[in-house]
Protein backbone atom coordinates (compact mmCIF):
# COMPACT_ATOMS: atom_id res chain seq x y z
CA MET A 1 10.58 24.02 12.00
CA GLY A 2 9.52 24.07 15.92
CA SER A 3 6.11 22.16 14.29
CA LYS A 4 8.39 19.68 12.85
CA ARG A 5 10.31 18.78 16.03
CA ASN A 6 7.47 18.88 18.19
CA GLY A 7 5.38 16.59 16.05
CA LEU A 8 8.64 14.05 15.91
CA LEU A 9 8.78 14.02 19.44
CA ALA A 10 5.33 13.48 19.83
CA LEU A 11 5.36 10.78 17.23
CA LEU A 12 9.01 9.34 19.07
CA GLY A 13 6.69 9.76 22.64
CA LEU A 14 3.90 7.47 21.38
CA GLY A 15 6.10 5.12 19.90
CA ALA A 16 8.15 4.94 23.28
CA LEU A 17 4.51 4.53 24.99
CA ALA A 18 3.60 1.77 22.61
CA TYR A 19 7.11 -0.25 22.93
CA TRP A 20 6.64 -0.12 26.74
CA LYS A 21 2.65 -1.01 27.18
CA TYR A 22 3.75 -4.33 24.76
CA LYS A 23 6.52 -5.34 26.85
CA LYS A 24 4.47 -4.95 29.53
CA SER A 25 1.38 -6.90 28.36
CA THR A 26 0.85 -10.40 28.87
CA PRO A 27 1.64 -13.31 26.10
CA GLU A 28 -1.61 -13.30 24.41
CA GLU A 29 -1.48 -9.83 24.47
CA GLN A 30 1.41 -9.30 22.65
CA GLN A 31 0.12 -12.16 20.37
CA ALA A 32 -2.86 -10.26 19.51
CA VAL A 33 -0.59 -7.71 18.48
CA LYS A 34 1.22 -9.62 16.11
CA ASP A 35 -1.60 -10.97 14.48
CA LYS A 36 -2.87 -7.63 13.96
CA VAL A 37 0.19 -6.56 12.15
CA ASN A 38 0.84 -10.00 10.19
CA THR A 39 -3.24 -9.32 9.07
CA ALA A 40 -2.64 -6.09 8.07
CA LYS A 41 0.36 -6.55 6.08
CA ASP A 42 -1.15 -9.44 4.72
CA ASN A 43 -4.16 -7.04 3.29
CA LEU A 44 -1.86 -4.30 2.59
CA THR A 45 -0.09 -7.05 0.34
CA LYS A 46 -3.19 -8.55 -1.07
CA PHE A 47 -4.17 -4.90 -2.35
CA GLY A 48 -0.85 -3.59 -3.82
CA ASN A 49 -0.79 -6.69 -6.14
CA ASP A 50 -4.63 -6.30 -7.20
CA LEU A 51 -4.07 -2.69 -7.51
CA LYS A 52 -0.67 -4.22 -9.76
CA SER A 53 -2.77 -6.12 -11.87
CA LYS A 54 -5.50 -3.76 -12.71
CA ALA A 55 -2.41 -1.28 -13.70
CA ASN A 56 -1.12 -3.98 -16.15
CA GLU A 57 -5.03 -4.83 -17.51
CA VAL A 58 -5.10 -0.77 -18.21
CA VAL A 59 -2.10 -0.80 -20.17
CA GLU A 60 -2.85 -4.34 -21.96
CA GLN A 61 -6.09 -2.31 -23.03
CA ALA A 62 -4.47 0.68 -23.88
CA LYS A 63 -2.43 -0.77 -26.02
CA ASN A 64 -4.77 -3.06 -27.71
CA LYS A 65 -6.79 0.25 -28.39
CA ALA A 66 -3.45 2.05 -29.74
CA GLY A 67 -3.38 -0.87 -32.27
CA GLU A 68 -6.50 -0.74 -33.49
CA LEU A 69 -6.85 3.36 -33.85
CA LYS A 70 -3.55 2.40 -36.15
CA GLN A 71 -5.21 -0.19 -37.81
CA ASP A 72 -7.84 2.04 -38.54
CA VAL A 73 -5.90 5.17 -39.61
CA LYS A 74 -4.08 2.70 -42.10
CA ASN A 75 -6.77 1.55 -43.83
CA SER A 76 -8.58 5.00 -43.82
CA ALA A 77 -5.57 6.14 -45.47
CA GLN A 78 -5.34 3.73 -48.03
């Protein structure tokens, strides 16, 4: 229990330090930070969309393969 609390306090302290440093930085440095965050967000969104489309492709391939196997079983049973 204590380690969770200490970890949370450390994370909170780092967040406060980052916020203070951001507020004390120049407008150019603030813009650079905003650009990095937006780039990371865009990359994460792109990665999520790619992952989703690949998962959908795998599902479609599995459905097609299942349909083929079902047809083969029907054909061999006749």
